[in-house]
Amino acid sequence: MRAVSEPSASTGRVLVLVLPDVNLLDLSGPVQVFDAAAHLGARYRLEYVSDADEAVSAQGLRLAGFARLPSAEPGDLVLVPGPRLKDLRPGESPVPDAVTRWLRTTHRRGARIASVCTGAAALGEAGLLDGRRCTTHWSLVEAMRRRYPAARVQDGVLYVHDGPVSTSAGISSGIDLALSLVERDHGPALAAAVARELVVYLRRNGSASQISPFLQHRSHLHPAVHRVQDHLAQHLDTPHTLAELAAVAHLSPRGLSRAFAAAIGVSPLEYQQQLRLERASRLLADTDLGVDAVAGRCGFRDVRHFRRLFSARYGMPPSQARKHMR
């Protein structure tokens, strides 16, 4: 089994590949996630690219003004919104040959590649799904399995990360995928802020529909509690005392505890533990880091304590949970 490595550090450059008959929501949903993240301080720069001067969307909107398939650098993100595909016909490529060659080249140069919905077929044509877990629109799953037998096509999931290649299922799950990529690049606090800005749920992972703790307790109006929540989300691997968190909030320790109980119903340190366990579950699902390394990245100094807390929250130890998440 091929090891799943962590993706290259993001350059912030997002190359949006616009294909003929692109579905507008596949294009606009993820793009708006990166645009919202940029307005909240992330360094994303959107560029729209194609092998043609213009394209007509599946919904009939004419699109133009593209850059011609530029050279990509390590850490760039290539986003492939899905075109309208009813099936994958034998002997017919779902994308132009120039696009297939460009995707292979950008991948070799170290760019990250992410497809939305049927955009996975473009990755399949380029051979980028061979040996990888991936997903696509439910109606294309069996056709993908037949055409790309070396790909490990998953159904019943929202999105899949496998090393530098990411894929998502139908239409709106491209938004979930984009939020997950923002979280990988800039952390869970910014991803939660973008989700709130767009009024969408932040999924825990590609196969779960529950609201993340990073978003779940953010509907209150207490500014001091929000400050502490932001601080904890941005420093998950750092130990904190109640007094230190109270200083962030400009409250006394007792005052902070009362404010947290009134605003979200848990203590500051209980909230921190929820965030750390959530982050641990994402690292277990998306990387091949060992359990000890995951614990360290999430601020747990005692691995045995981490295992106990994780098992209590998710009903299974971390090593077993990783198998279920994949």
C-alpha atoms as a PDB file:
ATOM      1  CA  MET A   1       0.000   0.000   0.000  1.00  0.00           C
ATOM      2  CA  ARG A   2       1.396   3.387  -1.000  1.00  0.00           C
ATOM      3  CA  ALA A   3       2.140   5.664   1.956  1.00  0.00           C
ATOM      4  CA  VAL A   4       0.001   8.790   2.304  1.00  0.00           C
ATOM      5  CA  SER A   5       2.278  11.779   2.690  1.00  0.00           C
ATOM      6  CA  GLU A   6       1.368  15.239   3.841  1.00  0.00           C
ATOM      7  CA  PRO A   7       0.946  17.780   1.027  1.00  0.00           C
ATOM      8  CA  SER A   8       3.510  20.439   0.189  1.00  0.00           C
ATOM      9  CA  ALA A   9       3.194  23.757   1.971  1.00  0.00           C
ATOM     10  CA  SER A  10       0.709  26.024   0.230  1.00  0.00           C
ATOM     11  CA  THR A  11       1.929  28.889  -1.923  1.00  0.00           C
ATOM     12  CA  GLY A  12      -1.552  30.408  -1.829  1.00  0.00           C
ATOM     13  CA  ARG A  13      -1.884  30.217  -5.604  1.00  0.00           C
ATOM     14  CA  VAL A  14      -5.085  28.496  -6.738  1.00  0.00           C
ATOM     15  CA  LEU A  15      -5.220  27.588 -10.432  1.00  0.00           C
ATOM     16  CA  VAL A  16      -8.880  26.986 -11.308  1.00  0.00           C
ATOM     17  CA  LEU A  17      -9.031  24.759 -14.383  1.00  0.00           C
ATOM     18  CA  VAL A  18     -12.190  25.600 -16.350  1.00  0.00           C
ATOM     19  CA  LEU A  19     -13.284  22.719 -18.586  1.00  0.00           C
ATOM     20  CA  PRO A  20     -15.949  22.718 -21.325  1.00  0.00           C
ATOM     21  CA  ASP A  21     -19.467  22.139 -19.916  1.00  0.00           C
ATOM     22  CA  VAL A  22     -18.287  22.931 -16.386  1.00  0.00           C
ATOM     23  CA  ASN A  23     -21.039  22.862 -13.776  1.00  0.00           C
ATOM     24  CA  LEU A  24     -21.365  26.339 -12.289  1.00  0.00           C
ATOM     25  CA  LEU A  25     -21.821  25.236  -8.670  1.00  0.00           C
ATOM     26  CA  ASP A  26     -18.768  22.974  -8.927  1.00  0.00           C
ATOM     27  CA  LEU A  27     -16.859  26.082  -9.981  1.00  0.00           C
ATOM     28  CA  SER A  28     -18.395  28.826  -7.856  1.00  0.00           C
ATOM     29  CA  GLY A  29     -18.799  27.004  -4.527  1.00  0.00           C
ATOM     30  CA  PRO A  30     -15.128  26.131  -3.870  1.00  0.00           C
ATOM     31  CA  VAL A  31     -13.956  29.403  -5.444  1.00  0.00           C
ATOM     32  CA  GLN A  32     -16.077  31.380  -2.995  1.00  0.00           C
ATOM     33  CA  VAL A  33     -14.550  29.453  -0.091  1.00  0.00           C
ATOM     34  CA  PHE A  34     -11.028  30.487  -1.130  1.00  0.00           C
ATOM     35  CA  ASP A  35     -12.183  34.039  -1.857  1.00  0.00           C
ATOM     36  CA  ALA A  36     -13.794  34.324   1.586  1.00  0.00           C
ATOM     37  CA  ALA A  37     -10.625  32.944   3.185  1.00  0.00           C
ATOM     38  CA  ALA A  38      -8.579  35.567   1.336  1.00  0.00           C
ATOM     39  CA  HIS A  39     -10.843  38.328   2.630  1.00  0.00           C
ATOM     40  CA  LEU A  40     -10.312  36.959   6.145  1.00  0.00           C
ATOM     41  CA  GLY A  41      -6.535  37.217   5.808  1.00  0.00           C
ATOM     42  CA  ALA A  42      -5.388  34.058   3.989  1.00  0.00           C
ATOM     43  CA  ARG A  43      -2.996  34.527   1.088  1.00  0.00           C
ATOM     44  CA  TYR A  44      -5.049  32.815  -1.601  1.00  0.00           C
ATOM     45  CA  ARG A  45      -4.760  34.144  -5.169  1.00  0.00           C
ATOM     46  CA  LEU A  46      -7.255  32.786  -7.686  1.00  0.00           C
ATOM     47  CA  GLU A  47      -6.272  32.338 -11.335  1.00  0.00           C
ATOM     48  CA  TYR A  48      -8.649  30.919 -13.944  1.00  0.00           C
ATOM     49  CA  VAL A  49      -6.931  28.766 -16.557  1.00  0.00           C
ATOM     50  CA  SER A  50      -7.947  26.755 -19.607  1.00  0.00           C
ATOM     51  CA  ASP A  51      -6.595  25.338 -22.843  1.00  0.00           C
ATOM     52  CA  ALA A  52      -9.068  27.551 -24.766  1.00  0.00           C
ATOM     53  CA  ASP A  53      -9.979  31.230 -24.878  1.00  0.00           C
ATOM     54  CA  GLU A  54     -13.497  30.638 -23.625  1.00  0.00           C
ATOM     55  CA  ALA A  55     -15.843  27.928 -22.395  1.00  0.00           C
ATOM     56  CA  VAL A  56     -19.587  27.507 -22.111  1.00  0.00           C
ATOM     57  CA  SER A  57     -20.840  26.109 -18.805  1.00  0.00           C
ATOM     58  CA  ALA A  58     -23.279  23.220 -18.600  1.00  0.00           C
ATOM     59  CA  GLN A  59     -25.889  25.808 -17.652  1.00  0.00           C
ATOM     60  CA  GLY A  60     -25.239  27.899 -20.756  1.00  0.00           C
ATOM     61  CA  LEU A  61     -23.155  30.744 -19.270  1.00  0.00           C
ATOM     62  CA  ARG A  62     -20.238  31.816 -21.479  1.00  0.00           C
ATOM     63  CA  LEU A  63     -16.939  32.148 -19.596  1.00  0.00           C
ATOM     64  CA  ALA A  64     -13.775  33.833 -20.893  1.00  0.00           C
ATOM     65  CA  GLY A  65     -10.584  35.638 -19.909  1.00  0.00           C
ATOM     66  CA  PHE A  66      -8.551  32.564 -18.988  1.00  0.00           C
ATOM     67  CA  ALA A  67      -4.800  32.236 -18.673  1.00  0.00           C
ATOM     68  CA  ARG A  68      -3.442  29.479 -20.918  1.00  0.00           C
ATOM     69  CA  LEU A  69      -2.394  26.496 -18.738  1.00  0.00           C
ATOM     70  CA  PRO A  70       0.528  28.157 -16.925  1.00  0.00           C
ATOM     71  CA  SER A  71       3.497  26.477 -15.298  1.00  0.00           C
ATOM     72  CA  ALA A  72       2.777  25.395 -11.722  1.00  0.00           C
ATOM     73  CA  GLU A  73       5.104  25.405  -8.716  1.00  0.00           C
ATOM     74  CA  PRO A  74       5.360  23.080  -5.698  1.00  0.00           C
ATOM     75  CA  GLY A  75       2.584  23.930  -3.261  1.00  0.00           C
ATOM     76  CA  ASP A  76       0.295  25.510  -5.860  1.00  0.00           C
ATOM     77  CA  LEU A  77      -3.252  24.162  -5.789  1.00  0.00           C
ATOM     78  CA  VAL A  78      -4.916  23.103  -9.041  1.00  0.00           C
ATOM     79  CA  LEU A  79      -8.696  23.020  -8.632  1.00  0.00           C
ATOM     80  CA  VAL A  80     -10.662  21.011 -11.224  1.00  0.00           C
ATOM     81  CA  PRO A  81     -14.419  21.750 -11.099  1.00  0.00           C
ATOM     82  CA  GLY A  82     -16.491  19.018 -12.709  1.00  0.00           C
ATOM     83  CA  PRO A  83     -17.949  19.157 -16.209  1.00  0.00           C
ATOM     84  CA  ARG A  84     -21.317  17.671 -17.086  1.00  0.00           C
ATOM     85  CA  LEU A  85     -20.614  13.958 -17.701  1.00  0.00           C
ATOM     86  CA  LYS A  86     -23.310  11.317 -17.930  1.00  0.00           C
ATOM     87  CA  ASP A  87     -20.860   8.483 -18.424  1.00  0.00           C
ATOM     88  CA  LEU A  88     -17.313   7.677 -19.462  1.00  0.00           C
ATOM     89  CA  ARG A  89     -17.573   6.332 -22.992  1.00  0.00           C
ATOM     90  CA  PRO A  90     -14.975   3.814 -24.233  1.00  0.00           C
ATOM     91  CA  GLY A  91     -12.470   5.408 -26.577  1.00  0.00           C
ATOM     92  CA  GLU A  92     -13.497   8.968 -25.674  1.00  0.00           C
ATOM     93  CA  SER A  93     -11.519  11.167 -23.310  1.00  0.00           C
ATOM     94  CA  PRO A  94     -13.664  13.339 -21.012  1.00  0.00           C
ATOM     95  CA  VAL A  95     -11.086  16.158 -21.215  1.00  0.00           C
ATOM     96  CA  PRO A  96      -8.843  17.585 -23.946  1.00  0.00           C
ATOM     97  CA  ASP A  97      -5.457  15.899 -24.362  1.00  0.00           C
ATOM     98  CA  ALA A  98      -3.672  19.196 -23.612  1.00  0.00           C
ATOM     99  CA  VAL A  99      -5.379  19.287 -20.214  1.00  0.00           C
ATOM    100  CA  THR A 100      -4.378  15.698 -19.443  1.00  0.00           C
ATOM    101  CA  ARG A 101      -0.730  16.444 -20.239  1.00  0.00           C
ATOM    102  CA  TRP A 102      -0.815  19.641 -18.183  1.00  0.00           C
ATOM    103  CA  LEU A 103      -2.250  17.867 -15.135  1.00  0.00           C
ATOM    104  CA  ARG A 104       0.515  15.247 -15.299  1.00  0.00           C
ATOM    105  CA  THR A 105       3.156  17.975 -15.544  1.00  0.00           C
ATOM    106  CA  THR A 106       1.757  20.059 -12.678  1.00  0.00           C
ATOM    107  CA  HIS A 107       1.585  16.958 -10.500  1.00  0.00           C
ATOM    108  CA  ARG A 108       5.212  16.064 -11.277  1.00  0.00           C
ATOM    109  CA  ARG A 109       6.244  19.617 -10.395  1.00  0.00           C
ATOM    110  CA  GLY A 110       4.783  19.228  -6.893  1.00  0.00           C
ATOM    111  CA  ALA A 111       1.450  21.000  -7.247  1.00  0.00           C
ATOM    112  CA  ARG A 112      -1.508  19.799  -5.237  1.00  0.00           C
ATOM    113  CA  ILE A 113      -4.521  18.693  -7.269  1.00  0.00           C
ATOM    114  CA  ALA A 114      -8.153  18.810  -6.105  1.00  0.00           C
ATOM    115  CA  SER A 115     -11.194  17.824  -8.138  1.00  0.00           C
ATOM    116  CA  VAL A 116     -14.855  18.584  -7.591  1.00  0.00           C
ATOM    117  CA  CYS A 117     -17.487  16.010  -8.514  1.00  0.00           C
ATOM    118  CA  THR A 118     -16.930  14.713 -12.087  1.00  0.00           C
ATOM    119  CA  GLY A 119     -13.635  16.604 -12.272  1.00  0.00           C
ATOM    120  CA  ALA A 120     -12.161  13.374 -10.870  1.00  0.00           C
ATOM    121  CA  ALA A 121     -12.384  11.945 -14.397  1.00  0.00           C
ATOM    122  CA  ALA A 122      -9.771  14.455 -15.549  1.00  0.00           C
ATOM    123  CA  LEU A 123      -7.459  13.218 -12.791  1.00  0.00           C
ATOM    124  CA  GLY A 124      -8.177   9.633 -13.799  1.00  0.00           C
ATOM    125  CA  GLU A 125      -7.245  10.328 -17.421  1.00  0.00           C
ATOM    126  CA  ALA A 126      -3.941  11.794 -16.249  1.00  0.00           C
ATOM    127  CA  GLY A 127      -3.206   8.698 -14.147  1.00  0.00           C
ATOM    128  CA  LEU A 128      -3.190  10.708 -10.919  1.00  0.00           C
ATOM    129  CA  LEU A 129      -5.691   8.407  -9.205  1.00  0.00           C
ATOM    130  CA  ASP A 130      -3.730   5.188  -9.696  1.00  0.00           C
ATOM    131  CA  GLY A 131      -3.283   3.546  -6.304  1.00  0.00           C
ATOM    132  CA  ARG A 132      -5.106   6.393  -4.558  1.00  0.00           C
ATOM    133  CA  ARG A 133      -8.330   6.581  -2.613  1.00  0.00           C
ATOM    134  CA  CYS A 134     -10.707   8.949  -4.401  1.00  0.00           C
ATOM    135  CA  THR A 135     -14.372   9.752  -4.919  1.00  0.00           C
ATOM    136  CA  THR A 136     -16.696  11.388  -7.421  1.00  0.00           C
ATOM    137  CA  HIS A 137     -20.388  11.973  -8.117  1.00  0.00           C
ATOM    138  CA  TRP A 138     -22.450   8.914  -7.167  1.00  0.00           C
ATOM    139  CA  SER A 139     -23.654   8.438 -10.745  1.00  0.00           C
ATOM    140  CA  LEU A 140     -20.072   8.093 -12.016  1.00  0.00           C
ATOM    141  CA  VAL A 141     -18.635   5.754  -9.360  1.00  0.00           C
ATOM    142  CA  GLU A 142     -19.067   2.487 -11.270  1.00  0.00           C
ATOM    143  CA  ALA A 143     -17.912   4.002 -14.565  1.00  0.00           C
ATOM    144  CA  MET A 144     -14.802   5.350 -12.813  1.00  0.00           C
ATOM    145  CA  ARG A 145     -14.070   1.920 -11.378  1.00  0.00           C
ATOM    146  CA  ARG A 146     -14.285   0.369 -14.816  1.00  0.00           C
ATOM    147  CA  ARG A 147     -12.234   3.002 -16.639  1.00  0.00           C
ATOM    148  CA  TYR A 148      -9.582   3.508 -13.950  1.00  0.00           C
ATOM    149  CA  PRO A 149      -9.199   0.080 -12.309  1.00  0.00           C
ATOM    150  CA  ALA A 150      -6.029   1.129 -10.468  1.00  0.00           C
ATOM    151  CA  ALA A 151      -7.950   3.882  -8.635  1.00  0.00           C
ATOM    152  CA  ARG A 152      -9.552   3.074  -5.291  1.00  0.00           C
ATOM    153  CA  VAL A 153     -12.901   4.786  -5.904  1.00  0.00           C
ATOM    154  CA  GLN A 154     -14.923   5.284  -2.709  1.00  0.00           C
ATOM    155  CA  ASP A 155     -18.658   5.868  -2.483  1.00  0.00           C
ATOM    156  CA  GLY A 156     -20.692   7.271   0.393  1.00  0.00           C
ATOM    157  CA  VAL A 157     -18.092   9.905   1.331  1.00  0.00           C
ATOM    158  CA  LEU A 158     -18.004  13.678   0.879  1.00  0.00           C
ATOM    159  CA  TYR A 159     -14.343  14.016  -0.021  1.00  0.00           C
ATOM    160  CA  VAL A 160     -11.043  12.145   0.152  1.00  0.00           C
ATOM    161  CA  HIS A 161      -7.478  13.373   0.651  1.00  0.00           C
ATOM    162  CA  ASP A 162      -4.739  11.019  -0.479  1.00  0.00           C
ATOM    163  CA  GLY A 163      -1.379  12.750  -0.355  1.00  0.00           C
ATOM    164  CA  PRO A 164      -1.327  15.764  -2.702  1.00  0.00           C
ATOM    165  CA  VAL A 165      -4.458  14.607  -4.561  1.00  0.00           C
ATOM    166  CA  SER A 166      -7.951  15.384  -3.231  1.00  0.00           C
ATOM    167  CA  THR A 167     -11.341  14.533  -4.689  1.00  0.00           C
ATOM    168  CA  SER A 168     -14.923  15.299  -3.713  1.00  0.00           C
ATOM    169  CA  ALA A 169     -18.316  13.812  -4.407  1.00  0.00           C
ATOM    170  CA  GLY A 170     -21.322  15.527  -5.957  1.00  0.00           C
ATOM    171  CA  ILE A 171     -21.759  19.262  -6.483  1.00  0.00           C
ATOM    172  CA  SER A 172     -21.983  20.986  -3.055  1.00  0.00           C
ATOM    173  CA  SER A 173     -19.413  18.659  -1.453  1.00  0.00           C
ATOM    174  CA  GLY A 174     -16.841  20.745  -3.326  1.00  0.00           C
ATOM    175  CA  ILE A 175     -17.496  23.383  -0.664  1.00  0.00           C
ATOM    176  CA  ASP A 176     -16.718  20.818   2.050  1.00  0.00           C
ATOM    177  CA  LEU A 177     -13.515  19.882   0.247  1.00  0.00           C
ATOM    178  CA  ALA A 178     -12.449  23.522  -0.117  1.00  0.00           C
ATOM    179  CA  LEU A 179     -13.070  24.169   3.588  1.00  0.00           C
ATOM    180  CA  SER A 180     -10.970  21.119   4.412  1.00  0.00           C
ATOM    181  CA  LEU A 181      -8.125  22.443   2.231  1.00  0.00           C
ATOM    182  CA  VAL A 182      -8.344  25.838   3.949  1.00  0.00           C
ATOM    183  CA  GLU A 183      -8.086  24.063   7.292  1.00  0.00           C
ATOM    184  CA  ARG A 184      -4.991  22.171   6.111  1.00  0.00           C
ATOM    185  CA  ASP A 185      -3.357  25.389   4.915  1.00  0.00           C
ATOM    186  CA  HIS A 186      -4.343  27.825   7.664  1.00  0.00           C
ATOM    187  CA  GLY A 187      -5.788  25.859  10.551  1.00  0.00           C
ATOM    188  CA  PRO A 188      -9.261  25.084  11.882  1.00  0.00           C
ATOM    189  CA  ALA A 189      -9.995  28.566  13.219  1.00  0.00           C
ATOM    190  CA  LEU A 190      -9.891  30.155   9.769  1.00  0.00           C
ATOM    191  CA  ALA A 191     -11.863  27.274   8.212  1.00  0.00           C
ATOM    192  CA  ALA A 192     -14.549  27.747  10.860  1.00  0.00           C
ATOM    193  CA  ALA A 193     -14.587  31.497  10.210  1.00  0.00           C
ATOM    194  CA  VAL A 194     -15.064  30.906   6.470  1.00  0.00           C
ATOM    195  CA  ALA A 195     -17.864  28.404   7.153  1.00  0.00           C
ATOM    196  CA  ARG A 196     -19.607  30.965   9.361  1.00  0.00           C
ATOM    197  CA  GLU A 197     -19.155  33.635   6.689  1.00  0.00           C
ATOM    198  CA  LEU A 198     -20.791  31.398   4.066  1.00  0.00           C
ATOM    199  CA  VAL A 199     -23.404  30.059   6.500  1.00  0.00           C
ATOM    200  CA  VAL A 200     -22.491  26.418   5.877  1.00  0.00           C
ATOM    201  CA  TYR A 201     -21.612  23.497   8.127  1.00  0.00           C
ATOM    202  CA  LEU A 202     -17.965  22.601   8.669  1.00  0.00           C
ATOM    203  CA  ARG A 203     -17.753  18.825   8.311  1.00  0.00           C
ATOM    204  CA  ARG A 204     -15.597  16.810  10.709  1.00  0.00           C
ATOM    205  CA  ASN A 205     -14.196  14.724   7.865  1.00  0.00           C
ATOM    206  CA  GLY A 206     -15.148  13.404   4.481  1.00  0.00           C
ATOM    207  CA  SER A 207     -17.484  10.729   5.837  1.00  0.00           C
ATOM    208  CA  ALA A 208     -19.135  12.594   8.711  1.00  0.00           C
ATOM    209  CA  SER A 209     -21.985  15.055   8.782  1.00  0.00           C
ATOM    210  CA  GLN A 210     -21.718  16.296  12.359  1.00  0.00           C
ATOM    211  CA  ILE A 211     -20.842  19.922  12.995  1.00  0.00           C
ATOM    212  CA  SER A 212     -17.244  20.366  14.088  1.00  0.00           C
ATOM    213  CA  PRO A 213     -16.511  21.592  17.636  1.00  0.00           C
ATOM    214  CA  PHE A 214     -14.612  24.405  15.904  1.00  0.00           C
ATOM    215  CA  LEU A 215     -17.982  25.697  14.664  1.00  0.00           C
ATOM    216  CA  GLN A 216     -20.500  24.150  17.026  1.00  0.00           C
ATOM    217  CA  HIS A 217     -19.943  26.534  19.963  1.00  0.00           C
ATOM    218  CA  ARG A 218     -19.517  29.780  17.998  1.00  0.00           C
ATOM    219  CA  SER A 219     -23.110  31.037  17.748  1.00  0.00           C
ATOM    220  CA  HIS A 220     -22.967  33.034  21.010  1.00  0.00           C
ATOM    221  CA  LEU A 221     -22.256  36.783  21.265  1.00  0.00           C
ATOM    222  CA  HIS A 222     -19.687  36.916  24.100  1.00  0.00           C
ATOM    223  CA  PRO A 223     -16.545  38.623  22.672  1.00  0.00           C
ATOM    224  CA  ALA A 224     -14.218  37.480  25.463  1.00  0.00           C
ATOM    225  CA  VAL A 225     -15.213  33.851  24.990  1.00  0.00           C
ATOM    226  CA  HIS A 226     -14.697  34.200  21.231  1.00  0.00           C
ATOM    227  CA  ARG A 227     -11.183  35.555  21.862  1.00  0.00           C
ATOM    228  CA  VAL A 228     -10.281  32.557  23.980  1.00  0.00           C
ATOM    229  CA  GLN A 229     -11.827  30.138  21.479  1.00  0.00           C
ATOM    230  CA  ASP A 230      -9.761  31.701  18.682  1.00  0.00           C
ATOM    231  CA  HIS A 231      -6.621  31.531  20.813  1.00  0.00           C
ATOM    232  CA  LEU A 232      -7.159  27.856  21.660  1.00  0.00           C
ATOM    233  CA  ALA A 233      -7.870  26.919  18.036  1.00  0.00           C
ATOM    234  CA  GLN A 234      -4.679  28.634  16.873  1.00  0.00           C
ATOM    235  CA  HIS A 235      -2.469  27.078  19.594  1.00  0.00           C
ATOM    236  CA  LEU A 236      -3.679  23.506  19.908  1.00  0.00           C
ATOM    237  CA  ASP A 237      -0.244  22.113  20.718  1.00  0.00           C
ATOM    238  CA  THR A 238       0.432  24.626  23.493  1.00  0.00           C
ATOM    239  CA  PRO A 239      -0.409  23.913  27.157  1.00  0.00           C
ATOM    240  CA  HIS A 240      -2.627  26.539  28.764  1.00  0.00           C
ATOM    241  CA  THR A 241      -3.596  27.278  32.335  1.00  0.00           C
ATOM    242  CA  LEU A 242      -6.921  28.814  33.232  1.00  0.00           C
ATOM    243  CA  ALA A 243      -5.084  31.938  34.403  1.00  0.00           C
ATOM    244  CA  GLU A 244      -3.346  32.308  31.011  1.00  0.00           C
ATOM    245  CA  LEU A 245      -6.630  31.974  29.155  1.00  0.00           C
ATOM    246  CA  ALA A 246      -8.262  34.459  31.498  1.00  0.00           C
ATOM    247  CA  ALA A 247      -5.538  36.962  30.601  1.00  0.00           C
ATOM    248  CA  VAL A 248      -6.402  36.516  26.907  1.00  0.00           C
ATOM    249  CA  ALA A 249     -10.045  37.250  27.722  1.00  0.00           C
ATOM    250  CA  HIS A 250      -9.190  40.145  30.095  1.00  0.00           C
ATOM    251  CA  LEU A 251     -11.227  38.429  32.798  1.00  0.00           C
ATOM    252  CA  SER A 252     -10.475  36.742  36.081  1.00  0.00           C
ATOM    253  CA  PRO A 253     -10.164  32.941  35.996  1.00  0.00           C
ATOM    254  CA  ARG A 254     -13.486  32.623  37.799  1.00  0.00           C
ATOM    255  CA  GLY A 255     -15.081  35.163  35.462  1.00  0.00           C
ATOM    256  CA  LEU A 256     -13.845  33.259  32.398  1.00  0.00           C
ATOM    257  CA  SER A 257     -15.218  29.972  33.719  1.00  0.00           C
ATOM    258  CA  ARG A 258     -18.606  31.584  34.334  1.00  0.00           C
ATOM    259  CA  ALA A 259     -18.592  33.188  30.876  1.00  0.00           C
ATOM    260  CA  PHE A 260     -17.772  29.874  29.162  1.00  0.00           C
ATOM    261  CA  ALA A 261     -20.451  28.028  31.129  1.00  0.00           C
ATOM    262  CA  ALA A 262     -23.064  30.638  30.202  1.00  0.00           C
ATOM    263  CA  ALA A 263     -22.043  30.941  26.528  1.00  0.00           C
ATOM    264  CA  ILE A 264     -21.335  27.328  25.512  1.00  0.00           C
ATOM    265  CA  GLY A 265     -21.993  25.100  28.523  1.00  0.00           C
ATOM    266  CA  VAL A 266     -18.471  23.717  29.025  1.00  0.00           C
ATOM    267  CA  SER A 267     -15.299  24.925  30.729  1.00  0.00           C
ATOM    268  CA  PRO A 268     -12.400  26.458  28.755  1.00  0.00           C
ATOM    269  CA  LEU A 269     -10.224  23.396  29.278  1.00  0.00           C
ATOM    270  CA  GLU A 270     -13.041  21.015  28.318  1.00  0.00           C
ATOM    271  CA  TYR A 271     -13.497  23.036  25.123  1.00  0.00           C
ATOM    272  CA  GLN A 272      -9.763  22.844  24.438  1.00  0.00           C
ATOM    273  CA  GLN A 273      -9.909  19.057  24.827  1.00  0.00           C
ATOM    274  CA  GLN A 274     -12.755  18.833  22.283  1.00  0.00           C
ATOM    275  CA  LEU A 275     -10.727  20.819  19.749  1.00  0.00           C
ATOM    276  CA  ARG A 276      -7.620  18.717  20.295  1.00  0.00           C
ATOM    277  CA  LEU A 277      -9.487  15.448  19.860  1.00  0.00           C
ATOM    278  CA  GLU A 278     -11.188  16.772  16.744  1.00  0.00           C
ATOM    279  CA  ARG A 279      -7.845  17.780  15.270  1.00  0.00           C
ATOM    280  CA  ALA A 280      -6.407  14.384  16.186  1.00  0.00           C
ATOM    281  CA  SER A 281      -9.206  12.621  14.306  1.00  0.00           C
ATOM    282  CA  ARG A 282      -8.455  14.691  11.196  1.00  0.00           C
ATOM    283  CA  LEU A 283      -4.734  13.920  11.338  1.00  0.00           C
ATOM    284  CA  LEU A 284      -5.453  10.219  11.741  1.00  0.00           C
ATOM    285  CA  ALA A 285      -7.766  10.290   8.721  1.00  0.00           C
ATOM    286  CA  ASP A 286      -5.641  12.468   6.431  1.00  0.00           C
ATOM    287  CA  THR A 287      -2.018  11.529   7.206  1.00  0.00           C
ATOM    288  CA  ASP A 288       0.144   8.558   8.096  1.00  0.00           C
ATOM    289  CA  LEU A 289       1.528  10.190  11.231  1.00  0.00           C
ATOM    290  CA  GLY A 290       1.959   7.762  14.106  1.00  0.00           C
ATOM    291  CA  VAL A 291      -0.342   7.983  17.114  1.00  0.00           C
ATOM    292  CA  ASP A 292       2.459   9.459  19.239  1.00  0.00           C
ATOM    293  CA  ALA A 293       3.106  12.191  16.651  1.00  0.00           C
ATOM    294  CA  VAL A 294      -0.611  12.968  16.374  1.00  0.00           C
ATOM    295  CA  ALA A 295      -0.861  13.277  20.137  1.00  0.00           C
ATOM    296  CA  GLY A 296       2.104  15.662  20.223  1.00  0.00           C
ATOM    297  CA  ARG A 297       0.747  17.859  17.436  1.00  0.00           C
ATOM    298  CA  CYS A 298      -2.530  18.190  19.305  1.00  0.00           C
ATOM    299  CA  GLY A 299      -0.941  19.177  22.614  1.00  0.00           C
ATOM    300  CA  PHE A 300      -1.165  15.869  24.475  1.00  0.00           C
ATOM    301  CA  ARG A 301       2.046  15.285  26.400  1.00  0.00           C
ATOM    302  CA  ASP A 302       0.956  11.856  27.698  1.00  0.00           C
ATOM    303  CA  VAL A 303       0.117   9.471  24.856  1.00  0.00           C
ATOM    304  CA  ARG A 304      -1.669   7.042  27.173  1.00  0.00           C
ATOM    305  CA  HIS A 305      -3.907   9.877  28.374  1.00  0.00           C
ATOM    306  CA  PHE A 306      -4.585  10.794  24.742  1.00  0.00           C
ATOM    307  CA  ARG A 307      -5.550   7.209  23.903  1.00  0.00           C
ATOM    308  CA  ARG A 308      -7.977   7.075  26.852  1.00  0.00           C
ATOM    309  CA  LEU A 309      -9.635  10.379  25.960  1.00  0.00           C
ATOM    310  CA  PHE A 310      -9.853   9.497  22.277  1.00  0.00           C
ATOM    311  CA  SER A 311     -11.406   6.094  23.024  1.00  0.00           C
ATOM    312  CA  ALA A 312     -13.926   7.671  25.387  1.00  0.00           C
ATOM    313  CA  ARG A 313     -14.989  10.237  22.750  1.00  0.00           C
ATOM    314  CA  TYR A 314     -15.029   8.085  19.614  1.00  0.00           C
ATOM    315  CA  GLY A 315     -15.685   4.629  21.051  1.00  0.00           C
ATOM    316  CA  MET A 316     -12.450   3.085  19.743  1.00  0.00           C
ATOM    317  CA  PRO A 317      -8.686   3.619  20.100  1.00  0.00           C
ATOM    318  CA  PRO A 318      -6.875   5.892  17.620  1.00  0.00           C
ATOM    319  CA  SER A 319      -5.291   3.049  15.628  1.00  0.00           C
ATOM    320  CA  GLN A 320      -8.661   1.376  15.070  1.00  0.00           C
ATOM    321  CA  ALA A 321     -10.363   4.696  14.290  1.00  0.00           C
ATOM    322  CA  ARG A 322      -7.828   5.356  11.517  1.00  0.00           C
ATOM    323  CA  LYS A 323      -8.896   2.143   9.738  1.00  0.00           C
ATOM    324  CA  HIS A 324     -12.560   3.138   9.931  1.00  0.00           C
ATOM    325  CA  MET A 325     -11.852   6.677   8.668  1.00  0.00           C
ATOM    326  CA  ARG A 326     -10.178   5.270   5.551  1.00  0.00           C
END
